[in-house]
C-alpha atoms as a PDB file:
ATOM      1  CA  MET A   1      -0.272  -0.203  -0.030  1.00  0.00           C
ATOM      2  CA  SER A   2       1.362   3.127  -0.852  1.00  0.00           C
ATOM      3  CA  THR A   3       1.464   6.346   1.458  1.00  0.00           C
ATOM      4  CA  GLU A   4      -0.749   8.176  -0.482  1.00  0.00           C
ATOM      5  CA  ASP A   5      -3.643   5.680   0.587  1.00  0.00           C
ATOM      6  CA  THR A   6      -2.743   5.576   4.135  1.00  0.00           C
ATOM      7  CA  THR A   7      -3.275   8.622   6.759  1.00  0.00           C
ATOM      8  CA  GLN A   8      -2.136   9.056  10.247  1.00  0.00           C
ATOM      9  CA  LEU A   9      -4.934   8.795  12.811  1.00  0.00           C
ATOM     10  CA  ARG A  10      -4.575   9.529  16.893  1.00  0.00           C
ATOM     11  CA  VAL A  11      -5.730   6.852  18.810  1.00  0.00           C
ATOM     12  CA  GLY A  12      -4.347   7.594  22.495  1.00  0.00           C
ATOM     13  CA  ARG A  13      -2.312   9.781  24.758  1.00  0.00           C
ATOM     14  CA  LEU A  14      -0.286   8.271  27.454  1.00  0.00           C
ATOM     15  CA  THR A  15      -1.062  10.166  30.880  1.00  0.00           C
ATOM     16  CA  LYS A  16       1.018   8.582  33.819  1.00  0.00           C
ATOM     17  CA  PRO A  17       3.090   5.756  34.840  1.00  0.00           C
ATOM     18  CA  HIS A  18       0.793   2.595  36.650  1.00  0.00           C
ATOM     19  CA  GLY A  19       2.675   0.951  38.753  1.00  0.00           C
ATOM     20  CA  LEU A  20       6.678  -0.013  38.792  1.00  0.00           C
ATOM     21  CA  LYS A  21       7.001  -2.182  35.737  1.00  0.00           C
ATOM     22  CA  GLY A  22       6.372   0.412  32.916  1.00  0.00           C
ATOM     23  CA  ALA A  23       2.694   0.526  32.241  1.00  0.00           C
ATOM     24  CA  LEU A  24       1.226   3.605  31.398  1.00  0.00           C
ATOM     25  CA  LYS A  25      -2.194   4.697  31.619  1.00  0.00           C
ATOM     26  CA  LEU A  26      -3.936   5.514  28.547  1.00  0.00           C
ATOM     27  CA  GLU A  27      -6.498   8.506  27.190  1.00  0.00           C
ATOM     28  CA  LEU A  28      -8.163   6.928  24.400  1.00  0.00           C
ATOM     29  CA  PHE A  29      -9.252   8.457  21.101  1.00  0.00           C
ATOM     30  CA  THR A  30     -10.693   5.458  19.119  1.00  0.00           C
ATOM     31  CA  ASP A  31     -14.344   3.860  20.238  1.00  0.00           C
ATOM     32  CA  THR A  32     -12.551   0.548  19.127  1.00  0.00           C
ATOM     33  CA  PRO A  33      -9.683   0.107  21.394  1.00  0.00           C
ATOM     34  CA  GLU A  34     -10.577  -3.642  20.723  1.00  0.00           C
ATOM     35  CA  THR A  35      -8.919  -3.541  17.014  1.00  0.00           C
ATOM     36  CA  ARG A  36      -6.471  -0.652  17.607  1.00  0.00           C
ATOM     37  CA  PHE A  37      -4.972  -1.996  21.156  1.00  0.00           C
ATOM     38  CA  VAL A  38      -3.651  -5.200  20.283  1.00  0.00           C
ATOM     39  CA  PRO A  39      -0.704  -7.117  21.362  1.00  0.00           C
ATOM     40  CA  GLY A  40       1.996  -6.164  18.576  1.00  0.00           C
ATOM     41  CA  ALA A  41      -0.008  -3.132  17.436  1.00  0.00           C
ATOM     42  CA  GLU A  42       2.740  -0.248  16.593  1.00  0.00           C
ATOM     43  CA  PHE A  43       2.383   3.470  16.998  1.00  0.00           C
ATOM     44  CA  THR A  44       4.108   6.405  15.951  1.00  0.00           C
ATOM     45  CA  LEU A  45       5.029   8.681  18.780  1.00  0.00           C
ATOM     46  CA  GLN A  46       4.418  12.162  19.024  1.00  0.00           C
ATOM     47  CA  VAL A  47       7.140  13.672  21.281  1.00  0.00           C
ATOM     48  CA  PRO A  48       9.128  16.614  21.703  1.00  0.00           C
ATOM     49  CA  GLU A  49      12.006  16.391  19.304  1.00  0.00           C
ATOM     50  CA  THR A  50      14.493  16.516  22.654  1.00  0.00           C
ATOM     51  CA  SER A  51      12.814  13.119  23.971  1.00  0.00           C
ATOM     52  CA  GLU A  52      14.849  10.200  23.862  1.00  0.00           C
ATOM     53  CA  TRP A  53      11.516   8.887  22.076  1.00  0.00           C
ATOM     54  CA  HIS A  54      11.739  11.195  18.943  1.00  0.00           C
ATOM     55  CA  GLY A  55      11.486   9.658  15.744  1.00  0.00           C
ATOM     56  CA  LYS A  56      10.907   6.507  17.390  1.00  0.00           C
ATOM     57  CA  THR A  57       7.532   3.696  17.217  1.00  0.00           C
ATOM     58  CA  LEU A  58       6.098   1.811  19.932  1.00  0.00           C
ATOM     59  CA  THR A  59       5.183  -1.667  20.157  1.00  0.00           C
ATOM     60  CA  LEU A  60       1.969  -2.973  22.464  1.00  0.00           C
ATOM     61  CA  ALA A  61       2.750  -5.809  24.943  1.00  0.00           C
ATOM     62  CA  GLU A  62      -0.642  -5.792  26.281  1.00  0.00           C
ATOM     63  CA  LEU A  63      -3.907  -3.593  27.406  1.00  0.00           C
ATOM     64  CA  ARG A  64      -5.368  -4.359  30.543  1.00  0.00           C
ATOM     65  CA  TRP A  65      -8.093  -2.497  32.471  1.00  0.00           C
ATOM     66  CA  TYR A  66      -7.902  -1.753  35.689  1.00  0.00           C
ATOM     67  CA  ASN A  67     -11.149   0.329  37.524  1.00  0.00           C
ATOM     68  CA  GLY A  68     -12.395   0.716  34.030  1.00  0.00           C
ATOM     69  CA  HIS A  69      -9.064   2.664  33.183  1.00  0.00           C
ATOM     70  CA  PRO A  70      -6.902   1.480  30.163  1.00  0.00           C
ATOM     71  CA  VAL A  71      -3.515   0.436  30.760  1.00  0.00           C
ATOM     72  CA  GLY A  72      -0.759  -0.212  28.362  1.00  0.00           C
ATOM     73  CA  PHE A  73       2.604  -2.202  28.597  1.00  0.00           C
ATOM     74  CA  PHE A  74       4.863  -1.568  25.943  1.00  0.00           C
ATOM     75  CA  GLU A  75       7.844  -3.498  24.976  1.00  0.00           C
ATOM     76  CA  GLY A  76      11.160  -1.811  25.931  1.00  0.00           C
ATOM     77  CA  VAL A  77       9.530  -0.296  28.447  1.00  0.00           C
ATOM     78  CA  LEU A  78      10.286  -2.125  31.741  1.00  0.00           C
ATOM     79  CA  ASP A  79      10.264   0.257  34.648  1.00  0.00           C
ATOM     80  CA  ARG A  80       8.846   3.323  36.373  1.00  0.00           C
ATOM     81  CA  THR A  81      11.479   5.615  34.866  1.00  0.00           C
ATOM     82  CA  GLY A  82      11.148   4.194  31.456  1.00  0.00           C
ATOM     83  CA  ALA A  83       7.306   5.088  31.823  1.00  0.00           C
ATOM     84  CA  GLU A  84       7.731   8.596  32.971  1.00  0.00           C
ATOM     85  CA  SER A  85       9.924   9.247  29.954  1.00  0.00           C
ATOM     86  CA  LEU A  86       7.243   8.452  27.959  1.00  0.00           C
ATOM     87  CA  VAL A  87       4.230  10.650  29.717  1.00  0.00           C
ATOM     88  CA  LYS A  88       2.105  12.900  27.172  1.00  0.00           C
ATOM     89  CA  ALA A  89       3.086  11.045  24.465  1.00  0.00           C
ATOM     90  CA  ILE A  90       0.528  10.634  21.906  1.00  0.00           C
ATOM     91  CA  LEU A  91      -0.070   7.771  19.801  1.00  0.00           C
ATOM     92  CA  TRP A  92      -0.983   7.701  16.222  1.00  0.00           C
ATOM     93  CA  VAL A  93      -1.339   4.676  13.755  1.00  0.00           C
ATOM     94  CA  ASP A  94      -1.423   4.413   9.559  1.00  0.00           C
ATOM     95  CA  GLN A  95      -4.854   4.092   8.408  1.00  0.00           C
ATOM     96  CA  ASP A  96      -6.387   2.915   5.434  1.00  0.00           C
ATOM     97  CA  LEU A  97      -8.201   5.879   3.453  1.00  0.00           C
ATOM     98  CA  THR A  98     -10.100   3.524   1.792  1.00  0.00           C
ATOM     99  CA  GLU A  99     -11.722   1.777   5.017  1.00  0.00           C
ATOM    100  CA  LEU A 100     -14.346   3.100   6.921  1.00  0.00           C
ATOM    101  CA  PRO A 101     -15.317   2.732  10.842  1.00  0.00           C
ATOM    102  CA  ASP A 102     -16.861  -0.583  11.885  1.00  0.00           C
ATOM    103  CA  GLU A 103     -19.550   1.491  13.811  1.00  0.00           C
ATOM    104  CA  ASP A 104     -22.650   3.292  12.172  1.00  0.00           C
ATOM    105  CA  ASP A 105     -22.823   6.841  12.526  1.00  0.00           C
ATOM    106  CA  ALA A 106     -18.906   7.253  12.259  1.00  0.00           C
ATOM    107  CA  TRP A 107     -16.072   9.084  10.346  1.00  0.00           C
ATOM    108  CA  TYR A 108     -12.529   9.495  10.416  1.00  0.00           C
ATOM    109  CA  HIS A 109     -10.911  12.753  11.243  1.00  0.00           C
ATOM    110  CA  HIS A 110      -9.879  13.049   7.534  1.00  0.00           C
ATOM    111  CA  GLN A 111     -13.243  12.288   5.963  1.00  0.00           C
ATOM    112  CA  LEU A 112     -14.497  15.514   7.417  1.00  0.00           C
ATOM    113  CA  ILE A 113     -11.680  17.991   7.006  1.00  0.00           C
ATOM    114  CA  GLY A 114     -13.124  20.580   4.780  1.00  0.00           C
ATOM    115  CA  LEU A 115     -16.428  19.512   4.362  1.00  0.00           C
ATOM    116  CA  ARG A 116     -19.173  22.333   3.380  1.00  0.00           C
ATOM    117  CA  VAL A 117     -20.907  22.906   7.042  1.00  0.00           C
ATOM    118  CA  GLU A 118     -24.744  24.187   5.771  1.00  0.00           C
ATOM    119  CA  ARG A 119     -27.401  25.136   8.193  1.00  0.00           C
ATOM    120  CA  ASP A 120     -31.007  25.641   6.944  1.00  0.00           C
ATOM    121  CA  GLY A 121     -29.837  24.743   3.364  1.00  0.00           C
ATOM    122  CA  VAL A 122     -27.320  27.672   3.647  1.00  0.00           C
ATOM    123  CA  PRO A 123     -23.138  26.878   3.270  1.00  0.00           C
ATOM    124  CA  VAL A 124     -22.063  28.652   6.852  1.00  0.00           C
ATOM    125  CA  GLY A 125     -18.621  27.425   6.645  1.00  0.00           C
ATOM    126  CA  THR A 126     -16.228  24.286   6.292  1.00  0.00           C
ATOM    127  CA  VAL A 127     -15.136  22.163   9.069  1.00  0.00           C
ATOM    128  CA  ALA A 128     -11.462  22.945  10.355  1.00  0.00           C
ATOM    129  CA  ARG A 129     -11.041  20.136  12.581  1.00  0.00           C
ATOM    130  CA  ILE A 130     -12.502  18.005  15.304  1.00  0.00           C
ATOM    131  CA  ASP A 131     -11.809  18.697  18.956  1.00  0.00           C
ATOM    132  CA  HIS A 132     -11.760  15.569  21.864  1.00  0.00           C
ATOM    133  CA  LEU A 133     -13.049  16.995  25.313  1.00  0.00           C
ATOM    134  CA  PRO A 134     -13.933  14.821  28.020  1.00  0.00           C
ATOM    135  CA  ALA A 135     -17.607  15.298  27.832  1.00  0.00           C
ATOM    136  CA  GLN A 136     -18.021  15.252  23.922  1.00  0.00           C
ATOM    137  CA  ASP A 137     -16.475  16.238  20.825  1.00  0.00           C
ATOM    138  CA  LEU A 138     -16.351  19.538  19.002  1.00  0.00           C
ATOM    139  CA  LEU A 139     -16.877  20.331  15.526  1.00  0.00           C
ATOM    140  CA  ALA A 140     -14.733  23.558  14.701  1.00  0.00           C
ATOM    141  CA  VAL A 141     -16.300  25.292  12.131  1.00  0.00           C
ATOM    142  CA  ALA A 142     -14.185  28.064   9.968  1.00  0.00           C
ATOM    143  CA  THR A 143     -16.425  30.794   9.111  1.00  0.00           C
ATOM    144  CA  PRO A 144     -15.805  34.142   7.303  1.00  0.00           C
ATOM    145  CA  SER A 145     -16.618  35.868  10.473  1.00  0.00           C
ATOM    146  CA  GLY A 146     -14.330  33.404  12.605  1.00  0.00           C
ATOM    147  CA  GLU A 147     -14.195  30.057  14.154  1.00  0.00           C
ATOM    148  CA  VAL A 148     -17.508  28.452  15.614  1.00  0.00           C
ATOM    149  CA  LEU A 149     -17.413  25.232  17.779  1.00  0.00           C
ATOM    150  CA  VAL A 150     -20.344  23.002  17.550  1.00  0.00           C
ATOM    151  CA  PRO A 151     -20.819  20.188  19.855  1.00  0.00           C
ATOM    152  CA  PHE A 152     -20.496  16.946  18.036  1.00  0.00           C
ATOM    153  CA  VAL A 153     -23.963  15.462  19.112  1.00  0.00           C
ATOM    154  CA  SER A 154     -26.810  14.456  16.666  1.00  0.00           C
ATOM    155  CA  VAL A 155     -29.029  16.874  17.851  1.00  0.00           C
ATOM    156  CA  LEU A 156     -26.816  19.702  16.210  1.00  0.00           C
ATOM    157  CA  VAL A 157     -25.199  17.924  13.992  1.00  0.00           C
ATOM    158  CA  PRO A 158     -28.039  15.172  12.628  1.00  0.00           C
ATOM    159  CA  SER A 159     -26.442  14.780   8.845  1.00  0.00           C
ATOM    160  CA  VAL A 160     -23.022  13.965   7.989  1.00  0.00           C
ATOM    161  CA  ASP A 161     -23.037  12.904   4.010  1.00  0.00           C
ATOM    162  CA  ILE A 162     -19.239  12.053   2.855  1.00  0.00           C
ATOM    163  CA  GLU A 163     -20.044  11.988  -0.610  1.00  0.00           C
ATOM    164  CA  ALA A 164     -21.972  14.884  -1.315  1.00  0.00           C
ATOM    165  CA  GLY A 165     -19.084  16.691   1.304  1.00  0.00           C
ATOM    166  CA  VAL A 166     -21.822  18.366   3.437  1.00  0.00           C
ATOM    167  CA  VAL A 167     -22.433  18.539   7.175  1.00  0.00           C
ATOM    168  CA  VAL A 168     -25.646  19.695   8.611  1.00  0.00           C
ATOM    169  CA  VAL A 169     -26.025  21.416  11.389  1.00  0.00           C
ATOM    170  CA  THR A 170     -28.873  23.064  13.654  1.00  0.00           C
ATOM    171  CA  PRO A 171     -27.336  24.765  16.691  1.00  0.00           C
ATOM    172  CA  PRO A 172     -29.231  27.187  18.785  1.00  0.00           C
ATOM    173  CA  ALA A 173     -29.741  30.747  18.093  1.00  0.00           C
ATOM    174  CA  GLY A 174     -26.649  32.752  18.503  1.00  0.00           C
ATOM    175  CA  LEU A 175     -24.096  30.325  17.923  1.00  0.00           C
ATOM    176  CA  PHE A 176     -24.065  31.762  14.498  1.00  0.00           C
ATOM    177  CA  GLU A 177     -24.818  35.421  14.872  1.00  0.00           C
ATOM    178  CA  GLU A 178     -24.205  36.779  11.704  1.00  0.00           C
ATOM    179  CA  LEU A 179     -26.712  34.363  10.518  1.00  0.00           C
ATOM    180  CA  VAL A 180     -29.287  35.239  13.545  1.00  0.00           C
ATOM    181  CA  ASP A 181     -28.610  39.186  12.623  1.00  0.00           C
ATOM    182  CA  ALA A 182     -29.812  38.170   8.502  1.00  0.00           C
ATOM    183  CA  ASP A 183     -32.932  36.809  10.043  1.00  0.00           C
ATOM    184  CA  THR A 184     -34.464  39.983  11.781  1.00  0.00           C
ATOM    185  CA  ASP A 185     -36.881  40.593   9.418  1.00  0.00           C
ATOM    186  CA  GLY A 186     -38.826  37.147   9.566  1.00  0.00           C
ATOM    187  CA  PRO A 187     -39.215  34.735  12.549  1.00  0.00           C
ATOM    188  CA  THR A 188     -35.539  33.906  14.230  1.00  0.00           C
ATOM    189  CA  ASP A 189     -34.275  30.449  14.068  1.00  0.00           C
ATOM    190  CA  GLY A 190     -34.861  30.594  17.869  1.00  0.00           C
ATOM    191  CA  ASP A 191     -38.348  31.135  17.070  1.00  0.00           C
ATOM    192  CA  ALA A 192     -38.697  28.280  14.699  1.00  0.00           C
ATOM    193  CA  ASN A 193     -36.675  25.672  16.177  1.00  0.00           C
ATOM    194  CA  THR A 194     -36.771  26.444  19.845  1.00  0.00           C
ATOM    195  CA  THR A 195     -36.432  22.973  21.774  1.00  0.00           C
ATOM    196  CA  ASP A 196     -36.151  22.296  25.420  1.00  0.00           C
ATOM    197  CA  GLU A 197     -34.056  19.323  24.577  1.00  0.00           C
ATOM    198  CA  VAL A 198     -30.683  21.407  23.447  1.00  0.00           C
END
């Protein structure tokens, strides 16, 4: 497979050592750790250039769960000192661009970046990136007046059409201020779409 057919996906971050035998707690950026974090899985590391791990890869020996938290054991990381040298490292994997996620209503980042974002059939911007937060993901939309962050939940992002290149958003009134101002001659979006569930 050529490099043109693959992209790099961020799948996790090493947060802190666990125990004395080189294990590290993980923050997962994937919904399918059972397929991403299998023994022998190899990760490209994002670390500072000054790190001894810069330019190296890390191979998983085992993934365990302790009190609901994932903990990784990696080849060549044998003690707590070694684990401490990897704290804050971000793990990346190669992903085949032709493959889709196994779960429904799921997309890889590279599929979303650059898609046109529409509200009520009117283009409002393009997808700049997806931010991962503990509570939920945020869709960063680049608009002519600046960046708007939309919670990536179905009630606010009801439709993603990869083939058409369109993401439909139904944000609450005020999130895209320039559109709210443009609607002052008629019923506002808030009047038309008021909901107690948002």
